[in-house]
Amino acid sequence: MQHVSFDMTTEGSQPGARLETYIQNYSEVFKVTERPLIIVLPGGGYTHLSPREGEPMALQYCAMGYHAAVLYYSLAPEAIYPTQILELAKAVALVRSRAKEWHVDPEKILIQGCSAGAHLAALYGCIWNRDFIAEKIGLNQQEKELLRPNGQILCYPVITGGAFAHRGSFESLCGGDEALEKELSVENLVNENTPKTFIWHTQTDNAVPVENSLLMAAALQKAKVSFELHIYPVGKHGIGLANWMTQTPSGDENVEQCQSWIGLVRTWVEHF
């Protein structure tokens, strides 16, 4: 396995912004020659990064036979929008530019985010082709295609800046700019270039209301973007894999009813 750290710093970044890869070694003894790659974005309200939503997720994807990478993006208050978007753009461009070298399926470069990390993933999925992103990371118009994600996996996502907002995430990302908070409400940004989407949430989420996922699904349906949505009837916010591997000492993140989500993602990816 190629476990390598790549510098992702750009305009406004904190030191240490990086992409850590989990690239499975290629061998001619395997029939498979190209594997999907999932870029994992931990949550944390844009103020910290949850370790339960980073490497454990990446290793789960490796166990499925996929490549994975974790983006450790910059955080508030030192870094605000669009820094995190630019770091993610650099990560996607790196993976796509090395797809042949790393034996990555170029049609299955996906982004997974949890909570605020899912907001970052979903926001990027809606605006990845805007000119300013390519310009700020040094790509020309012909190279913009390097920034394209093929799919996104949104785990209990922060989506809306409206009535059901996780206000802290938006305040941290936008530095208290209320106009920008409204601008970055993702359900209003979904368009025909938004990639295929897998969403899951719990009805009893105590921090990010389930309406966030429902609004995203409605926006995807309106834009005729393919999506899959799963709402579980129980489970608090931030349960990660929903099993013992990502539970805290309290143990209330181990929710058997929600553990199926990762298997459902695998089926979704396999039938992309």
C-alpha atoms as a PDB file:
ATOM      1  CA  MET A   1       0.000   0.000   0.000  1.00  0.00           C
ATOM      2  CA  GLN A   2       1.162   3.511  -0.839  1.00  0.00           C
ATOM      3  CA  HIS A   3       0.420   5.507   2.302  1.00  0.00           C
ATOM      4  CA  VAL A   4       1.814   8.902   1.327  1.00  0.00           C
ATOM      5  CA  SER A   5       1.080  12.449   2.455  1.00  0.00           C
ATOM      6  CA  PHE A   6       0.730  15.211  -0.160  1.00  0.00           C
ATOM      7  CA  ASP A   7       0.778  18.921   0.649  1.00  0.00           C
ATOM      8  CA  MET A   8      -2.566  20.531  -0.213  1.00  0.00           C
ATOM      9  CA  THR A   9      -1.838  24.055   1.014  1.00  0.00           C
ATOM     10  CA  THR A  10      -3.092  26.890  -1.157  1.00  0.00           C
ATOM     11  CA  GLU A  11      -4.259  30.469  -0.714  1.00  0.00           C
ATOM     12  CA  GLY A  12      -5.375  30.892   2.903  1.00  0.00           C
ATOM     13  CA  SER A  13      -4.386  27.389   4.050  1.00  0.00           C
ATOM     14  CA  GLN A  14      -3.119  26.418   7.462  1.00  0.00           C
ATOM     15  CA  PRO A  15       0.197  24.569   7.643  1.00  0.00           C
ATOM     16  CA  GLY A  16      -0.494  20.848   7.544  1.00  0.00           C
ATOM     17  CA  ALA A  17      -3.342  20.826   5.043  1.00  0.00           C
ATOM     18  CA  ARG A  18      -2.679  17.520   3.312  1.00  0.00           C
ATOM     19  CA  LEU A  19      -4.036  14.498   1.489  1.00  0.00           C
ATOM     20  CA  GLU A  20      -3.054  11.123   2.940  1.00  0.00           C
ATOM     21  CA  THR A  21      -3.415   8.282   0.449  1.00  0.00           C
ATOM     22  CA  TYR A  22      -4.200   4.605   0.888  1.00  0.00           C
ATOM     23  CA  ILE A  23      -3.360   3.300  -2.597  1.00  0.00           C
ATOM     24  CA  GLN A  24      -3.469  -0.469  -2.923  1.00  0.00           C
ATOM     25  CA  ASN A  25      -0.497  -2.034  -4.678  1.00  0.00           C
ATOM     26  CA  TYR A  26      -1.011  -3.180  -8.240  1.00  0.00           C
ATOM     27  CA  SER A  27      -0.192  -6.729  -9.271  1.00  0.00           C
ATOM     28  CA  GLU A  28      -0.719  -8.587 -12.521  1.00  0.00           C
ATOM     29  CA  VAL A  29      -2.002 -11.570 -10.528  1.00  0.00           C
ATOM     30  CA  PHE A  30      -5.278  -9.705  -9.936  1.00  0.00           C
ATOM     31  CA  LYS A  31      -7.965  -9.488 -12.589  1.00  0.00           C
ATOM     32  CA  VAL A  32      -8.824  -5.970 -11.414  1.00  0.00           C
ATOM     33  CA  THR A  33      -6.650  -3.316 -13.039  1.00  0.00           C
ATOM     34  CA  GLU A  34      -8.456  -0.168 -11.865  1.00  0.00           C
ATOM     35  CA  ARG A  35     -10.142   0.535  -8.543  1.00  0.00           C
ATOM     36  CA  PRO A  36     -12.527   3.268  -7.377  1.00  0.00           C
ATOM     37  CA  LEU A  37     -10.943   5.902  -5.132  1.00  0.00           C
ATOM     38  CA  ILE A  38     -12.845   7.613  -2.321  1.00  0.00           C
ATOM     39  CA  ILE A  39     -11.593  10.945  -0.962  1.00  0.00           C
ATOM     40  CA  VAL A  40     -12.769  11.121   2.658  1.00  0.00           C
ATOM     41  CA  LEU A  41     -13.593  14.433   4.345  1.00  0.00           C
ATOM     42  CA  PRO A  42     -14.030  14.205   8.137  1.00  0.00           C
ATOM     43  CA  GLY A  43     -16.614  16.375   9.837  1.00  0.00           C
ATOM     44  CA  GLY A  44     -16.189  18.736  12.770  1.00  0.00           C
ATOM     45  CA  GLY A  45     -18.138  21.911  12.064  1.00  0.00           C
ATOM     46  CA  TYR A  46     -15.190  23.430  10.156  1.00  0.00           C
ATOM     47  CA  THR A  47     -13.441  23.961  13.526  1.00  0.00           C
ATOM     48  CA  HIS A  48     -11.875  20.510  13.999  1.00  0.00           C
ATOM     49  CA  LEU A  49     -11.610  17.198  12.158  1.00  0.00           C
ATOM     50  CA  SER A  50     -13.147  14.103  13.698  1.00  0.00           C
ATOM     51  CA  PRO A  51     -10.620  11.235  13.757  1.00  0.00           C
ATOM     52  CA  ARG A  52     -13.554   8.791  13.786  1.00  0.00           C
ATOM     53  CA  GLU A  53     -14.602  10.037  10.334  1.00  0.00           C
ATOM     54  CA  GLY A  54     -11.201   9.936   8.675  1.00  0.00           C
ATOM     55  CA  GLU A  55      -8.880   6.957   8.631  1.00  0.00           C
ATOM     56  CA  PRO A  56     -11.467   4.402   9.847  1.00  0.00           C
ATOM     57  CA  MET A  57     -13.614   5.280   6.839  1.00  0.00           C
ATOM     58  CA  ALA A  58     -10.649   5.076   4.473  1.00  0.00           C
ATOM     59  CA  LEU A  59      -9.631   1.662   5.774  1.00  0.00           C
ATOM     60  CA  GLN A  60     -13.199   0.436   5.385  1.00  0.00           C
ATOM     61  CA  TYR A  61     -13.061   1.362   1.709  1.00  0.00           C
ATOM     62  CA  CYS A  62      -9.697  -0.355   1.360  1.00  0.00           C
ATOM     63  CA  ALA A  63     -11.273  -3.507   2.808  1.00  0.00           C
ATOM     64  CA  MET A  64     -13.872  -3.272   0.028  1.00  0.00           C
ATOM     65  CA  GLY A  65     -11.062  -3.333  -2.519  1.00  0.00           C
ATOM     66  CA  TYR A  66     -11.056   0.401  -3.238  1.00  0.00           C
ATOM     67  CA  HIS A  67      -8.343   3.020  -2.977  1.00  0.00           C
ATOM     68  CA  ALA A  68      -8.930   5.805  -0.467  1.00  0.00           C
ATOM     69  CA  ALA A  69      -7.493   9.108   0.702  1.00  0.00           C
ATOM     70  CA  VAL A  70      -8.233  11.432   3.613  1.00  0.00           C
ATOM     71  CA  LEU A  71      -8.161  15.190   3.133  1.00  0.00           C
ATOM     72  CA  TYR A  72      -7.095  17.071   6.247  1.00  0.00           C
ATOM     73  CA  TYR A  73      -8.441  20.460   5.206  1.00  0.00           C
ATOM     74  CA  SER A  74      -7.863  23.827   6.885  1.00  0.00           C
ATOM     75  CA  LEU A  75     -10.129  25.040   9.678  1.00  0.00           C
ATOM     76  CA  ALA A  76     -11.695  28.164  11.156  1.00  0.00           C
ATOM     77  CA  PRO A  77     -10.984  30.679  12.443  1.00  0.00           C
ATOM     78  CA  GLU A  78      -7.664  30.819  10.566  1.00  0.00           C
ATOM     79  CA  ALA A  79      -9.145  29.525   7.297  1.00  0.00           C
ATOM     80  CA  ILE A  80     -12.519  30.361   5.774  1.00  0.00           C
ATOM     81  CA  TYR A  81     -14.205  29.901   2.380  1.00  0.00           C
ATOM     82  CA  PRO A  82     -12.986  29.325  -0.298  1.00  0.00           C
ATOM     83  CA  THR A  83      -9.790  27.848   1.162  1.00  0.00           C
ATOM     84  CA  GLN A  84     -11.319  24.447   1.893  1.00  0.00           C
ATOM     85  CA  ILE A  85     -12.826  24.240  -1.605  1.00  0.00           C
ATOM     86  CA  LEU A  86      -9.437  25.001  -3.159  1.00  0.00           C
ATOM     87  CA  GLU A  87      -7.739  22.321  -1.068  1.00  0.00           C
ATOM     88  CA  LEU A  88     -10.341  19.777  -2.130  1.00  0.00           C
ATOM     89  CA  ALA A  89      -9.940  20.841  -5.755  1.00  0.00           C
ATOM     90  CA  LYS A  90      -6.188  20.241  -5.504  1.00  0.00           C
ATOM     91  CA  ALA A  91      -6.878  16.797  -4.039  1.00  0.00           C
ATOM     92  CA  VAL A  92      -9.274  15.798  -6.819  1.00  0.00           C
ATOM     93  CA  ALA A  93      -6.897  17.117  -9.488  1.00  0.00           C
ATOM     94  CA  LEU A  94      -4.004  15.167  -7.955  1.00  0.00           C
ATOM     95  CA  VAL A  95      -5.952  11.916  -7.930  1.00  0.00           C
ATOM     96  CA  ARG A  96      -7.257  12.359 -11.470  1.00  0.00           C
ATOM     97  CA  SER A  97      -3.838  13.324 -12.815  1.00  0.00           C
ATOM     98  CA  ARG A  98      -2.336  10.181 -11.268  1.00  0.00           C
ATOM     99  CA  ALA A  99      -5.213   7.851 -12.083  1.00  0.00           C
ATOM    100  CA  LYS A 100      -3.183   5.791 -14.566  1.00  0.00           C
ATOM    101  CA  GLU A 101      -0.132   5.604 -12.283  1.00  0.00           C
ATOM    102  CA  TRP A 102      -2.220   4.577  -9.262  1.00  0.00           C
ATOM    103  CA  HIS A 103      -4.572   2.274 -11.236  1.00  0.00           C
ATOM    104  CA  VAL A 104      -7.600   4.363 -10.314  1.00  0.00           C
ATOM    105  CA  ASP A 105     -10.814   3.979 -12.291  1.00  0.00           C
ATOM    106  CA  PRO A 106     -11.137   7.494 -13.787  1.00  0.00           C
ATOM    107  CA  GLU A 107     -14.934   7.171 -13.804  1.00  0.00           C
ATOM    108  CA  LYS A 108     -15.094   6.353 -10.096  1.00  0.00           C
ATOM    109  CA  ILE A 109     -13.303   9.164  -8.289  1.00  0.00           C
ATOM    110  CA  LEU A 110     -15.701   9.961  -5.462  1.00  0.00           C
ATOM    111  CA  ILE A 111     -15.837  12.265  -2.461  1.00  0.00           C
ATOM    112  CA  GLN A 112     -17.278  11.224   0.893  1.00  0.00           C
ATOM    113  CA  GLY A 113     -17.992  13.674   3.666  1.00  0.00           C
ATOM    114  CA  CYS A 114     -19.508  13.480   7.133  1.00  0.00           C
ATOM    115  CA  SER A 115     -21.491  16.377   8.627  1.00  0.00           C
ATOM    116  CA  ALA A 116     -19.579  19.590   7.780  1.00  0.00           C
ATOM    117  CA  GLY A 117     -17.255  17.469   5.652  1.00  0.00           C
ATOM    118  CA  ALA A 118     -20.355  16.434   3.706  1.00  0.00           C
ATOM    119  CA  HIS A 119     -21.212  20.110   3.247  1.00  0.00           C
ATOM    120  CA  LEU A 120     -17.759  20.625   1.765  1.00  0.00           C
ATOM    121  CA  ALA A 121     -18.221  17.604  -0.512  1.00  0.00           C
ATOM    122  CA  ALA A 122     -21.700  18.670  -1.647  1.00  0.00           C
ATOM    123  CA  LEU A 123     -20.684  22.298  -2.148  1.00  0.00           C
ATOM    124  CA  TYR A 124     -17.709  21.219  -4.241  1.00  0.00           C
ATOM    125  CA  GLY A 125     -19.951  18.894  -6.230  1.00  0.00           C
ATOM    126  CA  CYS A 126     -22.073  21.884  -7.222  1.00  0.00           C
ATOM    127  CA  ILE A 127     -19.349  24.450  -8.025  1.00  0.00           C
ATOM    128  CA  TRP A 128     -16.284  22.391  -9.058  1.00  0.00           C
ATOM    129  CA  ASN A 129     -16.287  23.832 -12.586  1.00  0.00           C
ATOM    130  CA  ARG A 130     -16.383  27.515 -11.639  1.00  0.00           C
ATOM    131  CA  ASP A 131     -13.532  29.417 -13.236  1.00  0.00           C
ATOM    132  CA  PHE A 132     -12.112  30.861 -10.025  1.00  0.00           C
ATOM    133  CA  ILE A 133     -11.334  27.423  -8.608  1.00  0.00           C
ATOM    134  CA  ALA A 134      -9.153  26.347 -11.525  1.00  0.00           C
ATOM    135  CA  GLU A 135      -7.494  29.758 -11.676  1.00  0.00           C
ATOM    136  CA  LYS A 136      -6.605  29.881  -7.992  1.00  0.00           C
ATOM    137  CA  ILE A 137      -4.919  26.457  -8.029  1.00  0.00           C
ATOM    138  CA  GLY A 138      -3.046  27.149 -11.252  1.00  0.00           C
ATOM    139  CA  LEU A 139      -5.056  25.207 -13.825  1.00  0.00           C
ATOM    140  CA  ASN A 140      -6.060  26.513 -17.241  1.00  0.00           C
ATOM    141  CA  GLN A 141      -9.467  26.052 -18.856  1.00  0.00           C
ATOM    142  CA  GLN A 142      -8.355  22.897 -20.679  1.00  0.00           C
ATOM    143  CA  GLU A 143      -7.277  21.353 -17.378  1.00  0.00           C
ATOM    144  CA  LYS A 144     -10.559  22.104 -15.584  1.00  0.00           C
ATOM    145  CA  GLU A 145     -11.805  18.563 -16.256  1.00  0.00           C
ATOM    146  CA  LEU A 146      -9.223  17.352 -13.716  1.00  0.00           C
ATOM    147  CA  LEU A 147     -11.473  18.838 -11.028  1.00  0.00           C
ATOM    148  CA  ARG A 148     -14.554  16.769 -11.882  1.00  0.00           C
ATOM    149  CA  PRO A 149     -15.864  14.379  -9.187  1.00  0.00           C
ATOM    150  CA  ASN A 150     -17.778  11.332 -10.433  1.00  0.00           C
ATOM    151  CA  GLY A 151     -19.877  10.908  -7.314  1.00  0.00           C
ATOM    152  CA  GLN A 152     -20.405  12.026  -3.740  1.00  0.00           C
ATOM    153  CA  ILE A 153     -21.326  10.189  -0.559  1.00  0.00           C
ATOM    154  CA  LEU A 154     -22.974  12.444   2.028  1.00  0.00           C
ATOM    155  CA  CYS A 155     -23.189  11.130   5.587  1.00  0.00           C
ATOM    156  CA  TYR A 156     -25.619  13.080   7.817  1.00  0.00           C
ATOM    157  CA  PRO A 157     -24.733  16.195   5.802  1.00  0.00           C
ATOM    158  CA  VAL A 158     -24.868  19.865   6.653  1.00  0.00           C
ATOM    159  CA  ILE A 159     -26.650  21.286   3.596  1.00  0.00           C
ATOM    160  CA  THR A 160     -28.866  24.275   4.218  1.00  0.00           C
ATOM    161  CA  GLY A 161     -28.154  27.730   5.533  1.00  0.00           C
ATOM    162  CA  GLY A 162     -31.882  28.238   6.067  1.00  0.00           C
ATOM    163  CA  ALA A 163     -34.298  27.264   8.811  1.00  0.00           C
ATOM    164  CA  PHE A 164     -32.731  23.847   9.456  1.00  0.00           C
ATOM    165  CA  ALA A 165     -29.108  25.018   9.358  1.00  0.00           C
ATOM    166  CA  HIS A 166     -26.307  23.830  11.557  1.00  0.00           C
ATOM    167  CA  ARG A 167     -25.508  27.436  12.207  1.00  0.00           C
ATOM    168  CA  GLY A 168     -22.077  26.838  13.704  1.00  0.00           C
ATOM    169  CA  SER A 169     -20.750  25.179  10.552  1.00  0.00           C
ATOM    170  CA  PHE A 170     -21.872  28.065   8.347  1.00  0.00           C
ATOM    171  CA  GLU A 171     -20.536  30.704  10.727  1.00  0.00           C
ATOM    172  CA  SER A 172     -17.148  28.990  10.847  1.00  0.00           C
ATOM    173  CA  LEU A 173     -16.898  28.488   7.087  1.00  0.00           C
ATOM    174  CA  CYS A 174     -18.058  31.992   6.216  1.00  0.00           C
ATOM    175  CA  GLY A 175     -16.422  33.957   9.009  1.00  0.00           C
ATOM    176  CA  GLY A 176     -19.765  35.344  10.140  1.00  0.00           C
ATOM    177  CA  ASP A 177     -20.690  36.728   6.702  1.00  0.00           C
ATOM    178  CA  GLU A 178     -24.455  36.136   6.643  1.00  0.00           C
ATOM    179  CA  ALA A 179     -24.784  36.898   2.935  1.00  0.00           C
ATOM    180  CA  LEU A 180     -22.140  34.285   2.138  1.00  0.00           C
ATOM    181  CA  GLU A 181     -23.897  31.774   4.394  1.00  0.00           C
ATOM    182  CA  LYS A 182     -27.012  32.091   2.250  1.00  0.00           C
ATOM    183  CA  GLU A 183     -24.927  31.832  -0.922  1.00  0.00           C
ATOM    184  CA  LEU A 184     -23.384  28.554   0.220  1.00  0.00           C
ATOM    185  CA  SER A 185     -26.689  26.859   1.057  1.00  0.00           C
ATOM    186  CA  VAL A 186     -26.164  23.814  -1.132  1.00  0.00           C
ATOM    187  CA  GLU A 187     -29.783  22.971  -1.972  1.00  0.00           C
ATOM    188  CA  ASN A 188     -29.856  26.207  -3.989  1.00  0.00           C
ATOM    189  CA  LEU A 189     -26.693  25.327  -5.950  1.00  0.00           C
ATOM    190  CA  VAL A 190     -27.489  21.853  -7.306  1.00  0.00           C
ATOM    191  CA  ASN A 191     -27.278  21.761 -11.108  1.00  0.00           C
ATOM    192  CA  GLU A 192     -26.801  19.404 -14.045  1.00  0.00           C
ATOM    193  CA  ASN A 193     -23.049  19.180 -13.334  1.00  0.00           C
ATOM    194  CA  THR A 194     -23.592  17.943  -9.777  1.00  0.00           C
ATOM    195  CA  PRO A 195     -22.423  14.292  -9.627  1.00  0.00           C
ATOM    196  CA  LYS A 196     -24.386  11.202  -8.665  1.00  0.00           C
ATOM    197  CA  THR A 197     -25.087  11.264  -4.956  1.00  0.00           C
ATOM    198  CA  PHE A 198     -25.576   8.802  -2.091  1.00  0.00           C
ATOM    199  CA  ILE A 199     -27.076  10.281   1.097  1.00  0.00           C
ATOM    200  CA  TRP A 200     -27.841   8.827   4.494  1.00  0.00           C
ATOM    201  CA  HIS A 201     -29.098  10.412   7.694  1.00  0.00           C
ATOM    202  CA  THR A 202     -30.957   9.520  10.867  1.00  0.00           C
ATOM    203  CA  GLN A 203     -34.411  10.858  11.630  1.00  0.00           C
ATOM    204  CA  THR A 204     -33.380  11.518  15.232  1.00  0.00           C
ATOM    205  CA  ASP A 205     -30.178  13.463  14.452  1.00  0.00           C
ATOM    206  CA  ASN A 206     -29.797  15.819  17.397  1.00  0.00           C
ATOM    207  CA  ALA A 207     -27.414  18.314  15.759  1.00  0.00           C
ATOM    208  CA  VAL A 208     -27.995  18.435  11.999  1.00  0.00           C
ATOM    209  CA  PRO A 209     -31.716  17.993  11.300  1.00  0.00           C
ATOM    210  CA  VAL A 210     -32.700  15.315   8.806  1.00  0.00           C
ATOM    211  CA  GLU A 211     -34.354  18.057   6.739  1.00  0.00           C
ATOM    212  CA  ASN A 212     -30.864  18.849   5.435  1.00  0.00           C
ATOM    213  CA  SER A 213     -30.788  15.541   3.558  1.00  0.00           C
ATOM    214  CA  LEU A 214     -34.401  15.867   2.467  1.00  0.00           C
ATOM    215  CA  LEU A 215     -33.723  19.299   0.984  1.00  0.00           C
ATOM    216  CA  MET A 216     -30.680  17.956  -0.847  1.00  0.00           C
ATOM    217  CA  ALA A 217     -32.635  15.020  -2.244  1.00  0.00           C
ATOM    218  CA  ALA A 218     -35.404  17.333  -3.448  1.00  0.00           C
ATOM    219  CA  ALA A 219     -32.862  19.582  -5.163  1.00  0.00           C
ATOM    220  CA  LEU A 220     -31.201  16.602  -6.868  1.00  0.00           C
ATOM    221  CA  GLN A 221     -34.585  15.339  -8.053  1.00  0.00           C
ATOM    222  CA  LYS A 222     -35.445  18.760  -9.472  1.00  0.00           C
ATOM    223  CA  ALA A 223     -32.124  18.901 -11.333  1.00  0.00           C
ATOM    224  CA  LYS A 224     -32.582  15.317 -12.575  1.00  0.00           C
ATOM    225  CA  VAL A 225     -29.355  14.170 -10.895  1.00  0.00           C
ATOM    226  CA  SER A 226     -29.235  10.487  -9.939  1.00  0.00           C
ATOM    227  CA  PHE A 227     -29.303   9.926  -6.184  1.00  0.00           C
ATOM    228  CA  GLU A 228     -29.940   7.340  -3.483  1.00  0.00           C
ATOM    229  CA  LEU A 229     -31.301   8.363  -0.076  1.00  0.00           C
ATOM    230  CA  HIS A 230     -31.548   6.356   3.152  1.00  0.00           C
ATOM    231  CA  ILE A 231     -33.149   7.668   6.342  1.00  0.00           C
ATOM    232  CA  TYR A 232     -32.712   5.543   9.463  1.00  0.00           C
ATOM    233  CA  PRO A 233     -35.285   5.904  12.262  1.00  0.00           C
ATOM    234  CA  VAL A 234     -32.755   5.998  15.122  1.00  0.00           C
ATOM    235  CA  GLY A 235     -29.248   7.290  15.764  1.00  0.00           C
ATOM    236  CA  LYS A 236     -27.608  10.465  17.035  1.00  0.00           C
ATOM    237  CA  HIS A 237     -25.423  12.776  14.994  1.00  0.00           C
ATOM    238  CA  GLY A 238     -21.885  11.777  14.090  1.00  0.00           C
ATOM    239  CA  ILE A 239     -22.164   7.997  14.441  1.00  0.00           C
ATOM    240  CA  GLY A 240     -19.576   7.284  11.755  1.00  0.00           C
ATOM    241  CA  LEU A 241     -19.596   3.625  10.772  1.00  0.00           C
ATOM    242  CA  ALA A 242     -22.266   3.115  13.468  1.00  0.00           C
ATOM    243  CA  ASN A 243     -20.329   0.176  14.924  1.00  0.00           C
ATOM    244  CA  TRP A 244     -17.752  -0.464  17.648  1.00  0.00           C
ATOM    245  CA  MET A 245     -14.870   0.716  15.453  1.00  0.00           C
ATOM    246  CA  THR A 246     -15.944   4.373  15.540  1.00  0.00           C
ATOM    247  CA  GLN A 247     -17.796   4.630  18.840  1.00  0.00           C
ATOM    248  CA  THR A 248     -16.648   6.926  21.626  1.00  0.00           C
ATOM    249  CA  PRO A 249     -16.277   5.747  25.240  1.00  0.00           C
ATOM    250  CA  SER A 250     -19.969   6.549  25.757  1.00  0.00           C
ATOM    251  CA  GLY A 251     -20.806   3.776  23.293  1.00  0.00           C
ATOM    252  CA  ASP A 252     -23.956   5.394  21.941  1.00  0.00           C
ATOM    253  CA  GLU A 253     -22.561   5.608  18.404  1.00  0.00           C
ATOM    254  CA  ASN A 254     -22.868   1.828  18.043  1.00  0.00           C
ATOM    255  CA  VAL A 255     -26.269   1.650  16.327  1.00  0.00           C
ATOM    256  CA  GLU A 256     -27.013  -1.688  14.702  1.00  0.00           C
ATOM    257  CA  GLN A 257     -29.941  -0.363  12.656  1.00  0.00           C
ATOM    258  CA  CYS A 258     -27.606   2.085  10.833  1.00  0.00           C
ATOM    259  CA  GLN A 259     -24.689  -0.229  10.140  1.00  0.00           C
ATOM    260  CA  SER A 260     -26.007  -1.202   6.723  1.00  0.00           C
ATOM    261  CA  TRP A 261     -25.112   2.150   5.165  1.00  0.00           C
ATOM    262  CA  ILE A 262     -21.558   1.215   4.214  1.00  0.00           C
ATOM    263  CA  GLY A 263     -22.720  -1.929   2.447  1.00  0.00           C
ATOM    264  CA  LEU A 264     -25.355   0.069   0.603  1.00  0.00           C
ATOM    265  CA  VAL A 265     -22.605   2.438  -0.560  1.00  0.00           C
ATOM    266  CA  ARG A 266     -20.660  -0.501  -1.939  1.00  0.00           C
ATOM    267  CA  THR A 267     -23.679  -1.699  -3.928  1.00  0.00           C
ATOM    268  CA  TRP A 268     -24.200   1.853  -5.201  1.00  0.00           C
ATOM    269  CA  VAL A 269     -20.562   2.175  -6.317  1.00  0.00           C
ATOM    270  CA  GLU A 270     -20.544  -1.256  -7.966  1.00  0.00           C
ATOM    271  CA  HIS A 271     -23.600  -0.299 -10.066  1.00  0.00           C
ATOM    272  CA  PHE A 272     -22.406   3.171 -10.903  1.00  0.00           C
END
